Each structure stands twice: as C-alpha cells, then as structure tokens.
Amino acid sequence: MTCGIFKIGLNGVTAAQRNLSTISHNIANATTPAYHRQRVELANAIPVPTGNGFIGTGVDVQTVSRLYSDFLETQVTSAQGRLAYLEAFRD
C-alpha cells in the first residue's frame, strides 16, 4: 500500500504542477488580443477494486480546455462587420 500512497501523491503533485503552468500561461497572455483563457480539467483516477469496495488512486489531468463564449465571439464578429461597413460608407 505504501507505493500506492506515493503514486497518489505523485498524481496530485503532477496535477498541481499542470495547474500552475496553465495559470502562469494565462497570466503571461492576459494582455494578448484574442487570447482565450485556459483551464485544467481534472478527473478521478481509476480506482482499485478490493474485497470491501474500491480504493481511490488520486487524480488525473484529463485535458486543458479553452474558455470560450460563442455568444461573445458572435457579438465581436458582428460589431467588426458593422464597423467595416460604416468605415466603407464614410470613405
């Protein structure tokens, strides 16, 4: 069971390291135009079955997803199109 405890701890540290890396990436790109913030998706690692049930094995990083709003993207695209139309009309 000792190796299992170390594996659970290693999984947790790896997940936390991935989270910190993603957070620093978000901070570094905070002023970049059109940058979409990212988030680490975590899930339970596959548990180990025993005679009395299951024993958890920690956490796994599933993916890093981009936080994105279709509504806001549509609004920006529409406003840019309207701006281009009005600039052409002005000229």
N, C-alpha and C. Protein backbone atom coordinates (compact mmCIF):
# COMPACT_ATOMS: atom_id res chain seq x y z
N MET A 1 0.82 -1.20 0.00
CA MET A 1 0.00 0.00 0.00
C MET A 1 0.86 1.26 0.00
N THR A 2 2.10 1.16 0.48
CA THR A 2 2.98 2.32 0.54
C THR A 2 3.23 2.90 -0.84
N CYS A 3 3.49 2.02 -1.83
CA CYS A 3 3.71 2.50 -3.19
C CYS A 3 2.47 3.21 -3.71
N GLY A 4 1.28 2.72 -3.32
CA GLY A 4 0.04 3.35 -3.74
C GLY A 4 -0.07 4.76 -3.21
N ILE A 5 0.35 4.97 -1.98
CA ILE A 5 0.29 6.31 -1.37
C ILE A 5 1.23 7.26 -2.11
N PHE A 6 2.42 6.78 -2.46
CA PHE A 6 3.35 7.62 -3.20
C PHE A 6 2.83 7.94 -4.59
N LYS A 7 2.17 6.98 -5.23
CA LYS A 7 1.60 7.22 -6.57
C LYS A 7 0.48 8.26 -6.50
N ILE A 8 -0.36 8.15 -5.47
CA ILE A 8 -1.43 9.13 -5.29
C ILE A 8 -0.83 10.52 -5.08
N GLY A 9 0.21 10.61 -4.24
CA GLY A 9 0.87 11.89 -4.02
C GLY A 9 1.50 12.43 -5.28
N LEU A 10 2.14 11.56 -6.06
CA LEU A 10 2.75 11.98 -7.32
C LEU A 10 1.70 12.47 -8.31
N ASN A 11 0.56 11.78 -8.38
CA ASN A 11 -0.53 12.23 -9.25
C ASN A 11 -1.02 13.62 -8.84
N GLY A 12 -1.15 13.83 -7.53
CA GLY A 12 -1.60 15.13 -7.04
C GLY A 12 -0.61 16.24 -7.35
N VAL A 13 0.67 15.97 -7.15
CA VAL A 13 1.70 16.97 -7.44
C VAL A 13 1.75 17.27 -8.94
N THR A 14 1.64 16.24 -9.77
CA THR A 14 1.64 16.44 -11.22
C THR A 14 0.45 17.29 -11.66
N ALA A 15 -0.73 17.01 -11.11
CA ALA A 15 -1.92 17.79 -11.44
C ALA A 15 -1.76 19.25 -11.00
N ALA A 16 -1.21 19.46 -9.79
CA ALA A 16 -0.99 20.82 -9.30
C ALA A 16 0.03 21.55 -10.16
N GLN A 17 1.07 20.85 -10.60
CA GLN A 17 2.09 21.45 -11.45
C GLN A 17 1.49 21.87 -12.80
N ARG A 18 0.62 21.04 -13.36
CA ARG A 18 -0.05 21.37 -14.63
C ARG A 18 -0.95 22.58 -14.44
N ASN A 19 -1.63 22.64 -13.29
CA ASN A 19 -2.49 23.79 -12.97
C ASN A 19 -1.67 25.08 -12.89
N LEU A 20 -0.56 25.04 -12.17
CA LEU A 20 0.29 26.23 -12.04
C LEU A 20 0.85 26.66 -13.39
N SER A 21 1.22 25.71 -14.20
CA SER A 21 1.73 26.03 -15.54
C SER A 21 0.66 26.72 -16.38
N THR A 22 -0.56 26.22 -16.30
CA THR A 22 -1.66 26.82 -17.07
C THR A 22 -2.00 28.21 -16.54
N ILE A 23 -1.98 28.38 -15.22
CA ILE A 23 -2.24 29.70 -14.63
C ILE A 23 -1.19 30.70 -15.07
N SER A 24 0.09 30.30 -15.04
CA SER A 24 1.14 31.22 -15.46
C SER A 24 1.02 31.56 -16.94
N HIS A 25 0.59 30.60 -17.74
CA HIS A 25 0.36 30.85 -19.16
C HIS A 25 -0.77 31.87 -19.35
N ASN A 26 -1.84 31.73 -18.55
CA ASN A 26 -2.95 32.68 -18.62
C ASN A 26 -2.50 34.09 -18.22
N ILE A 27 -1.69 34.18 -17.16
CA ILE A 27 -1.22 35.49 -16.71
C ILE A 27 -0.31 36.12 -17.74
N ALA A 28 0.59 35.34 -18.32
CA ALA A 28 1.53 35.87 -19.31
C ALA A 28 0.81 36.39 -20.56
N ASN A 29 -0.35 35.81 -20.88
CA ASN A 29 -1.06 36.21 -22.09
C ASN A 29 -2.30 37.05 -21.80
N ALA A 30 -2.41 37.58 -20.60
CA ALA A 30 -3.61 38.33 -20.21
C ALA A 30 -3.85 39.54 -21.10
N THR A 31 -2.79 40.17 -21.59
CA THR A 31 -2.97 41.37 -22.43
C THR A 31 -2.88 41.07 -23.92
N THR A 32 -2.77 39.81 -24.28
CA THR A 32 -2.70 39.43 -25.70
C THR A 32 -4.10 39.51 -26.31
N PRO A 33 -4.24 40.26 -27.41
CA PRO A 33 -5.56 40.34 -28.04
C PRO A 33 -6.03 38.97 -28.52
N ALA A 34 -7.29 38.69 -28.35
CA ALA A 34 -7.95 37.47 -28.80
C ALA A 34 -7.46 36.22 -28.09
N TYR A 35 -6.78 36.36 -26.96
CA TYR A 35 -6.35 35.19 -26.20
C TYR A 35 -7.52 34.66 -25.39
N HIS A 36 -7.69 33.35 -25.38
CA HIS A 36 -8.74 32.71 -24.60
C HIS A 36 -8.10 32.00 -23.42
N ARG A 37 -8.60 32.31 -22.24
CA ARG A 37 -8.07 31.72 -21.02
C ARG A 37 -8.24 30.20 -21.05
N GLN A 38 -7.35 29.48 -20.40
CA GLN A 38 -7.38 28.03 -20.37
C GLN A 38 -7.63 27.53 -18.96
N ARG A 39 -8.17 26.31 -18.88
CA ARG A 39 -8.47 25.70 -17.59
C ARG A 39 -8.10 24.22 -17.66
N VAL A 40 -7.52 23.71 -16.58
CA VAL A 40 -7.16 22.29 -16.49
C VAL A 40 -8.38 21.52 -16.01
N GLU A 41 -8.72 20.47 -16.74
CA GLU A 41 -9.84 19.60 -16.37
C GLU A 41 -9.28 18.38 -15.65
N LEU A 42 -9.70 18.17 -14.41
CA LEU A 42 -9.25 17.05 -13.60
C LEU A 42 -10.36 16.02 -13.45
N ALA A 43 -9.96 14.76 -13.27
CA ALA A 43 -10.94 13.69 -13.04
C ALA A 43 -10.32 12.68 -12.08
N ASN A 44 -11.17 11.90 -11.45
CA ASN A 44 -10.69 10.84 -10.58
C ASN A 44 -9.89 9.84 -11.39
N ALA A 45 -8.78 9.39 -10.84
CA ALA A 45 -8.03 8.31 -11.47
C ALA A 45 -8.82 7.01 -11.26
N ILE A 46 -8.54 6.02 -12.06
CA ILE A 46 -9.28 4.76 -11.97
C ILE A 46 -9.01 4.11 -10.60
N PRO A 47 -10.08 3.85 -9.84
CA PRO A 47 -9.89 3.27 -8.51
C PRO A 47 -9.52 1.78 -8.60
N VAL A 48 -8.91 1.30 -7.53
CA VAL A 48 -8.51 -0.11 -7.46
C VAL A 48 -9.59 -0.88 -6.70
N PRO A 49 -10.15 -1.94 -7.32
CA PRO A 49 -11.16 -2.72 -6.60
C PRO A 49 -10.52 -3.60 -5.52
N THR A 50 -11.21 -3.68 -4.38
CA THR A 50 -10.78 -4.57 -3.29
C THR A 50 -11.99 -5.39 -2.86
N GLY A 51 -11.82 -6.25 -1.93
CA GLY A 51 -12.94 -7.07 -1.44
C GLY A 51 -14.00 -6.25 -0.73
N ASN A 52 -13.62 -5.09 -0.21
CA ASN A 52 -14.56 -4.25 0.53
C ASN A 52 -15.02 -3.03 -0.25
N GLY A 53 -14.72 -2.94 -1.51
CA GLY A 53 -15.10 -1.78 -2.32
C GLY A 53 -13.93 -1.34 -3.17
N PHE A 54 -13.80 -0.06 -3.33
CA PHE A 54 -12.75 0.50 -4.17
C PHE A 54 -11.87 1.43 -3.36
N ILE A 55 -10.59 1.52 -3.74
CA ILE A 55 -9.65 2.45 -3.12
C ILE A 55 -9.25 3.46 -4.19
N GLY A 56 -9.40 4.73 -3.86
CA GLY A 56 -9.06 5.78 -4.82
C GLY A 56 -7.57 5.80 -5.11
N THR A 57 -7.23 6.25 -6.31
CA THR A 57 -5.82 6.32 -6.71
C THR A 57 -5.40 7.73 -7.07
N GLY A 58 -6.16 8.72 -6.62
CA GLY A 58 -5.76 10.10 -6.85
C GLY A 58 -6.53 10.76 -7.98
N VAL A 59 -5.84 11.64 -8.67
CA VAL A 59 -6.46 12.46 -9.70
C VAL A 59 -5.62 12.41 -10.97
N ASP A 60 -6.27 12.54 -12.10
CA ASP A 60 -5.58 12.60 -13.40
C ASP A 60 -5.98 13.88 -14.11
N VAL A 61 -5.06 14.44 -14.87
CA VAL A 61 -5.37 15.58 -15.72
C VAL A 61 -5.98 15.03 -17.00
N GLN A 62 -7.23 15.39 -17.27
CA GLN A 62 -7.91 14.91 -18.47
C GLN A 62 -7.49 15.71 -19.70
N THR A 63 -7.59 17.03 -19.59
CA THR A 63 -7.26 17.90 -20.71
C THR A 63 -7.10 19.33 -20.22
N VAL A 64 -6.60 20.16 -21.08
CA VAL A 64 -6.59 21.60 -20.84
C VAL A 64 -7.56 22.19 -21.84
N SER A 65 -8.62 22.80 -21.34
CA SER A 65 -9.65 23.32 -22.23
C SER A 65 -9.59 24.84 -22.29
N ARG A 66 -10.06 25.37 -23.40
CA ARG A 66 -10.09 26.80 -23.62
C ARG A 66 -11.46 27.32 -23.22
N LEU A 67 -11.49 28.38 -22.42
CA LEU A 67 -12.76 29.00 -22.03
C LEU A 67 -13.16 29.96 -23.14
N TYR A 68 -14.27 29.67 -23.74
CA TYR A 68 -14.68 30.34 -24.97
C TYR A 68 -16.18 30.56 -24.95
N SER A 69 -16.62 31.71 -25.37
CA SER A 69 -18.05 32.01 -25.41
C SER A 69 -18.47 32.25 -26.86
N ASP A 70 -19.31 31.36 -27.38
CA ASP A 70 -19.82 31.54 -28.75
C ASP A 70 -20.61 32.84 -28.88
N PHE A 71 -21.38 33.17 -27.86
CA PHE A 71 -22.18 34.39 -27.89
C PHE A 71 -21.29 35.62 -28.03
N LEU A 72 -20.25 35.71 -27.19
CA LEU A 72 -19.37 36.87 -27.26
C LEU A 72 -18.60 36.93 -28.58
N GLU A 73 -18.19 35.77 -29.08
CA GLU A 73 -17.49 35.74 -30.36
C GLU A 73 -18.40 36.23 -31.49
N THR A 74 -19.66 35.85 -31.45
CA THR A 74 -20.63 36.31 -32.44
C THR A 74 -20.83 37.82 -32.34
N GLN A 75 -20.90 38.34 -31.11
CA GLN A 75 -21.08 39.77 -30.91
C GLN A 75 -19.88 40.56 -31.45
N VAL A 76 -18.67 40.08 -31.19
CA VAL A 76 -17.47 40.76 -31.67
C VAL A 76 -17.41 40.73 -33.19
N THR A 77 -17.68 39.57 -33.77
CA THR A 77 -17.65 39.44 -35.23
C THR A 77 -18.69 40.36 -35.87
N SER A 78 -19.86 40.43 -35.29
CA SER A 78 -20.92 41.29 -35.81
C SER A 78 -20.51 42.76 -35.72
N ALA A 79 -19.94 43.16 -34.58
CA ALA A 79 -19.52 44.55 -34.40
C ALA A 79 -18.39 44.91 -35.37
N GLN A 80 -17.47 43.98 -35.61
CA GLN A 80 -16.38 44.25 -36.56
C GLN A 80 -16.92 44.40 -37.98
N GLY A 81 -17.89 43.57 -38.33
CA GLY A 81 -18.51 43.69 -39.65
C GLY A 81 -19.24 45.01 -39.82
N ARG A 82 -19.96 45.41 -38.79
CA ARG A 82 -20.68 46.69 -38.81
C ARG A 82 -19.69 47.86 -38.91
N LEU A 83 -18.58 47.78 -38.18
CA LEU A 83 -17.55 48.82 -38.23
C LEU A 83 -16.96 48.93 -39.64
N ALA A 84 -16.66 47.80 -40.24
CA ALA A 84 -16.11 47.80 -41.60
C ALA A 84 -17.10 48.43 -42.59
N TYR A 85 -18.39 48.10 -42.42
CA TYR A 85 -19.42 48.68 -43.28
C TYR A 85 -19.48 50.20 -43.12
N LEU A 86 -19.48 50.66 -41.87
CA LEU A 86 -19.58 52.10 -41.62
C LEU A 86 -18.33 52.85 -42.09
N GLU A 87 -17.15 52.24 -41.96
CA GLU A 87 -15.92 52.87 -42.45
C GLU A 87 -15.94 52.97 -43.98
N ALA A 88 -16.45 51.95 -44.65
CA ALA A 88 -16.56 51.99 -46.11
C ALA A 88 -17.57 53.04 -46.54
N PHE A 89 -18.66 53.14 -45.80
CA PHE A 89 -19.68 54.13 -46.09
C PHE A 89 -19.13 55.55 -45.89
N ARG A 90 -18.33 55.73 -44.84
CA ARG A 90 -17.75 57.03 -44.57
C ARG A 90 -16.79 57.46 -45.67
N ASP A 91 -15.97 56.50 -46.15
CA ASP A 91 -14.98 56.83 -47.18
C ASP A 91 -15.66 57.06 -48.51
